[in-house]
């Protein structure tokens, strides 16, 4: 399992993530203090986990549309599990 908390792909070389082996990746998608949806999509593609779980959205920052974009862009490549709030 790979759990990204306050990570930004701009600061943490996304292209190096392919050296990490994880079946499950929890990725922030809000984009305010952490990765945005597009960065999280890049990170998920680099990690290539079996399951990706978007997080850090819907309370104060990040919207449902961020989660939907994340899910839609990874459809057919990586299973995306959206947890109920």
N, C-alpha and C. Protein backbone atom coordinates (compact mmCIF):
# COMPACT_ATOMS: atom_id res chain seq x y z
N UNK A 1 0.85 -1.17 0.00
CA UNK A 1 0.00 0.00 0.00
C UNK A 1 0.89 1.23 0.00
N UNK A 2 0.51 2.20 -0.79
CA UNK A 2 1.24 3.46 -0.86
C UNK A 2 0.26 4.56 -0.48
N UNK A 3 0.58 5.29 0.58
CA UNK A 3 -0.31 6.33 1.12
C UNK A 3 0.36 7.68 0.95
N UNK A 4 -0.18 8.50 0.07
CA UNK A 4 0.35 9.84 -0.15
C UNK A 4 -0.45 10.81 0.70
N UNK A 5 0.24 11.56 1.52
CA UNK A 5 -0.47 12.55 2.33
C UNK A 5 -0.27 13.91 1.68
N UNK A 6 0.52 14.75 2.25
CA UNK A 6 0.72 16.09 1.68
C UNK A 6 1.84 16.06 0.66
N UNK A 7 1.51 15.50 -0.50
CA UNK A 7 2.48 15.33 -1.57
C UNK A 7 2.01 16.09 -2.80
N UNK A 8 2.93 16.75 -3.42
CA UNK A 8 2.67 17.39 -4.70
C UNK A 8 3.59 16.76 -5.72
N UNK A 9 3.04 16.38 -6.84
CA UNK A 9 3.87 15.77 -7.88
C UNK A 9 4.91 16.75 -8.40
N UNK A 10 4.64 18.03 -8.30
CA UNK A 10 5.62 19.02 -8.74
C UNK A 10 6.87 18.96 -7.89
N UNK A 11 6.70 18.67 -6.61
CA UNK A 11 7.85 18.62 -5.70
C UNK A 11 8.44 17.22 -5.57
N UNK A 12 7.68 16.20 -5.90
CA UNK A 12 8.12 14.82 -5.69
C UNK A 12 8.08 14.07 -7.01
N UNK A 13 9.08 14.12 -7.75
CA UNK A 13 9.27 13.55 -9.08
C UNK A 13 8.36 12.36 -9.39
N UNK A 14 7.25 12.62 -10.05
CA UNK A 14 6.29 11.58 -10.39
C UNK A 14 6.94 10.49 -11.23
N UNK A 15 7.84 10.87 -12.12
CA UNK A 15 8.43 9.86 -13.00
C UNK A 15 9.25 8.83 -12.24
N UNK A 16 9.58 9.06 -11.00
CA UNK A 16 10.32 8.09 -10.20
C UNK A 16 9.40 7.13 -9.44
N UNK A 17 8.12 7.35 -9.50
CA UNK A 17 7.19 6.51 -8.75
C UNK A 17 7.09 5.09 -9.29
N UNK A 18 7.52 4.87 -10.51
CA UNK A 18 7.41 3.53 -11.08
C UNK A 18 8.34 2.53 -10.40
N UNK A 19 9.21 2.98 -9.51
CA UNK A 19 10.08 2.05 -8.77
C UNK A 19 9.38 1.52 -7.52
N UNK A 20 8.24 2.10 -7.17
CA UNK A 20 7.49 1.67 -5.99
C UNK A 20 6.50 0.59 -6.44
N UNK A 21 6.45 -0.51 -5.70
CA UNK A 21 5.47 -1.55 -5.98
C UNK A 21 4.38 -1.50 -4.92
N UNK A 22 3.17 -1.24 -5.36
CA UNK A 22 2.04 -1.16 -4.43
C UNK A 22 0.79 -1.69 -5.12
N UNK A 23 0.03 -2.49 -4.41
CA UNK A 23 -1.25 -2.97 -4.94
C UNK A 23 -2.34 -1.92 -4.79
N UNK A 24 -2.21 -1.09 -3.74
CA UNK A 24 -3.21 -0.06 -3.45
C UNK A 24 -2.49 1.27 -3.27
N UNK A 25 -3.02 2.31 -3.91
CA UNK A 25 -2.46 3.66 -3.74
C UNK A 25 -3.58 4.60 -3.31
N UNK A 26 -3.35 5.32 -2.23
CA UNK A 26 -4.27 6.35 -1.77
C UNK A 26 -3.67 7.68 -2.17
N UNK A 27 -4.39 8.41 -3.04
CA UNK A 27 -3.83 9.63 -3.63
C UNK A 27 -4.73 10.84 -3.41
N UNK A 28 -4.18 11.95 -2.94
CA UNK A 28 -4.97 13.17 -2.78
C UNK A 28 -5.31 13.75 -4.15
N UNK A 29 -6.47 14.38 -4.26
CA UNK A 29 -6.90 14.95 -5.54
C UNK A 29 -7.35 16.40 -5.45
N UNK A 30 -7.28 17.03 -4.29
CA UNK A 30 -7.85 18.37 -4.13
C UNK A 30 -7.04 19.48 -4.77
N UNK A 31 -5.73 19.35 -4.80
CA UNK A 31 -4.90 20.33 -5.46
C UNK A 31 -4.57 21.59 -4.69
N UNK A 32 -5.07 21.75 -3.49
CA UNK A 32 -4.77 22.97 -2.75
C UNK A 32 -3.41 22.89 -2.08
N UNK A 33 -3.21 21.93 -1.23
CA UNK A 33 -1.91 21.76 -0.55
C UNK A 33 -1.24 20.47 -1.00
N UNK A 34 -1.93 19.72 -1.82
CA UNK A 34 -1.49 18.40 -2.26
C UNK A 34 -1.67 18.30 -3.77
N UNK A 35 -1.45 17.11 -4.32
CA UNK A 35 -1.68 16.89 -5.74
C UNK A 35 -3.09 17.27 -6.13
N UNK A 36 -3.23 17.75 -7.34
CA UNK A 36 -4.55 17.93 -7.91
C UNK A 36 -4.93 16.65 -8.64
N UNK A 37 -6.11 16.62 -9.20
CA UNK A 37 -6.58 15.41 -9.88
C UNK A 37 -5.65 15.02 -11.02
N UNK A 38 -5.18 15.98 -11.80
CA UNK A 38 -4.32 15.65 -12.93
C UNK A 38 -2.98 15.09 -12.47
N UNK A 39 -2.42 15.65 -11.41
CA UNK A 39 -1.17 15.12 -10.86
C UNK A 39 -1.39 13.72 -10.29
N UNK A 40 -2.53 13.52 -9.64
CA UNK A 40 -2.84 12.20 -9.06
C UNK A 40 -3.01 11.16 -10.16
N UNK A 41 -3.57 11.57 -11.28
CA UNK A 41 -3.70 10.66 -12.43
C UNK A 41 -2.32 10.26 -12.92
N UNK A 42 -1.42 11.22 -13.05
CA UNK A 42 -0.04 10.93 -13.47
C UNK A 42 0.64 9.98 -12.48
N UNK A 43 0.46 10.26 -11.20
CA UNK A 43 1.08 9.42 -10.17
C UNK A 43 0.52 8.00 -10.22
N UNK A 44 -0.79 7.87 -10.39
CA UNK A 44 -1.41 6.54 -10.45
C UNK A 44 -0.88 5.78 -11.67
N UNK A 45 -0.76 6.46 -12.77
CA UNK A 45 -0.24 5.78 -13.98
C UNK A 45 1.21 5.34 -13.78
N UNK A 46 2.00 6.16 -13.09
CA UNK A 46 3.40 5.81 -12.84
C UNK A 46 3.51 4.65 -11.86
N UNK A 47 2.67 4.67 -10.81
CA UNK A 47 2.69 3.60 -9.81
C UNK A 47 2.10 2.30 -10.35
N UNK A 48 1.05 2.45 -11.14
CA UNK A 48 0.32 1.32 -11.71
C UNK A 48 -0.15 0.32 -10.64
N UNK A 49 -0.85 0.80 -9.60
CA UNK A 49 -1.38 -0.13 -8.60
C UNK A 49 -2.59 -0.88 -9.15
N UNK A 50 -3.01 -1.90 -8.46
CA UNK A 50 -4.23 -2.60 -8.86
C UNK A 50 -5.45 -1.73 -8.55
N UNK A 51 -5.36 -1.00 -7.42
CA UNK A 51 -6.47 -0.16 -6.95
C UNK A 51 -5.94 1.22 -6.57
N UNK A 52 -6.66 2.26 -6.97
CA UNK A 52 -6.33 3.63 -6.57
C UNK A 52 -7.54 4.21 -5.85
N UNK A 53 -7.27 4.86 -4.72
CA UNK A 53 -8.33 5.45 -3.91
C UNK A 53 -8.08 6.95 -3.80
N UNK A 54 -8.96 7.78 -4.37
CA UNK A 54 -8.79 9.23 -4.25
C UNK A 54 -9.17 9.69 -2.84
N UNK A 55 -8.47 10.72 -2.36
CA UNK A 55 -8.75 11.24 -1.01
C UNK A 55 -8.46 12.74 -0.98
N UNK A 56 -8.70 13.35 0.18
CA UNK A 56 -8.50 14.80 0.38
C UNK A 56 -9.39 15.62 -0.54
N UNK A 57 -10.67 15.39 -0.47
CA UNK A 57 -11.61 16.18 -1.27
C UNK A 57 -12.94 16.25 -0.56
N UNK A 58 -13.71 17.27 -0.90
CA UNK A 58 -15.08 17.33 -0.45
C UNK A 58 -15.37 17.97 0.89
N UNK A 59 -14.36 18.23 1.70
CA UNK A 59 -14.63 18.87 3.00
C UNK A 59 -14.43 20.38 2.87
N UNK A 60 -13.19 20.78 2.75
CA UNK A 60 -12.89 22.21 2.64
C UNK A 60 -12.35 22.55 1.25
N UNK A 61 -11.69 21.61 0.65
CA UNK A 61 -11.11 21.81 -0.69
C UNK A 61 -11.38 20.57 -1.53
N UNK A 62 -11.20 20.71 -2.81
CA UNK A 62 -11.44 19.57 -3.70
C UNK A 62 -12.92 19.33 -3.87
N UNK A 63 -13.29 18.92 -5.07
CA UNK A 63 -14.70 18.71 -5.38
C UNK A 63 -14.94 17.31 -5.91
N UNK A 64 -16.18 16.94 -5.96
CA UNK A 64 -16.56 15.64 -6.50
C UNK A 64 -16.11 15.53 -7.96
N UNK A 65 -16.08 16.64 -8.67
CA UNK A 65 -15.64 16.61 -10.06
C UNK A 65 -14.17 16.20 -10.18
N UNK A 66 -13.36 16.52 -9.18
CA UNK A 66 -11.96 16.08 -9.17
C UNK A 66 -11.89 14.55 -9.10
N UNK A 67 -12.72 13.99 -8.25
CA UNK A 67 -12.76 12.53 -8.08
C UNK A 67 -13.27 11.87 -9.36
N UNK A 68 -14.28 12.45 -9.96
CA UNK A 68 -14.84 11.88 -11.18
C UNK A 68 -13.83 11.93 -12.32
N UNK A 69 -13.08 13.02 -12.45
CA UNK A 69 -12.03 13.11 -13.47
C UNK A 69 -10.96 12.06 -13.24
N UNK A 70 -10.55 11.89 -11.98
CA UNK A 70 -9.58 10.88 -11.60
C UNK A 70 -10.06 9.49 -12.03
N UNK A 71 -11.30 9.17 -11.65
CA UNK A 71 -11.89 7.87 -11.99
C UNK A 71 -11.98 7.67 -13.51
N UNK A 72 -12.49 8.67 -14.21
CA UNK A 72 -12.71 8.55 -15.64
C UNK A 72 -11.40 8.40 -16.42
N UNK A 73 -10.37 9.12 -16.01
CA UNK A 73 -9.10 9.05 -16.72
C UNK A 73 -8.36 7.73 -16.50
N UNK A 74 -8.68 7.04 -15.41
CA UNK A 74 -8.02 5.77 -15.12
C UNK A 74 -8.89 4.56 -15.49
N UNK A 75 -10.09 4.81 -15.96
CA UNK A 75 -11.01 3.73 -16.32
C UNK A 75 -10.37 2.77 -17.32
N UNK A 76 -10.50 1.48 -17.02
CA UNK A 76 -9.96 0.46 -17.89
C UNK A 76 -8.48 0.19 -17.69
N UNK A 77 -7.83 1.02 -16.87
CA UNK A 77 -6.40 0.84 -16.61
C UNK A 77 -6.14 0.43 -15.17
N UNK A 78 -6.76 1.17 -14.26
CA UNK A 78 -6.58 0.95 -12.82
C UNK A 78 -7.97 1.03 -12.18
N UNK A 79 -8.27 0.08 -11.31
CA UNK A 79 -9.55 0.12 -10.60
C UNK A 79 -9.52 1.28 -9.61
N UNK A 80 -10.54 2.13 -9.69
CA UNK A 80 -10.64 3.26 -8.76
C UNK A 80 -11.78 2.97 -7.79
N UNK A 81 -11.49 3.05 -6.52
CA UNK A 81 -12.48 2.84 -5.48
C UNK A 81 -12.72 4.17 -4.78
N UNK A 82 -13.95 4.64 -4.86
CA UNK A 82 -14.32 5.90 -4.21
C UNK A 82 -15.06 5.55 -2.92
N UNK A 83 -14.47 5.90 -1.81
CA UNK A 83 -15.06 5.57 -0.50
C UNK A 83 -16.20 6.52 -0.18
N UNK A 84 -17.19 6.02 0.50
CA UNK A 84 -18.29 6.87 0.95
C UNK A 84 -17.81 7.77 2.06
N UNK A 85 -18.36 8.96 2.08
CA UNK A 85 -17.99 9.92 3.14
C UNK A 85 -18.74 9.61 4.39
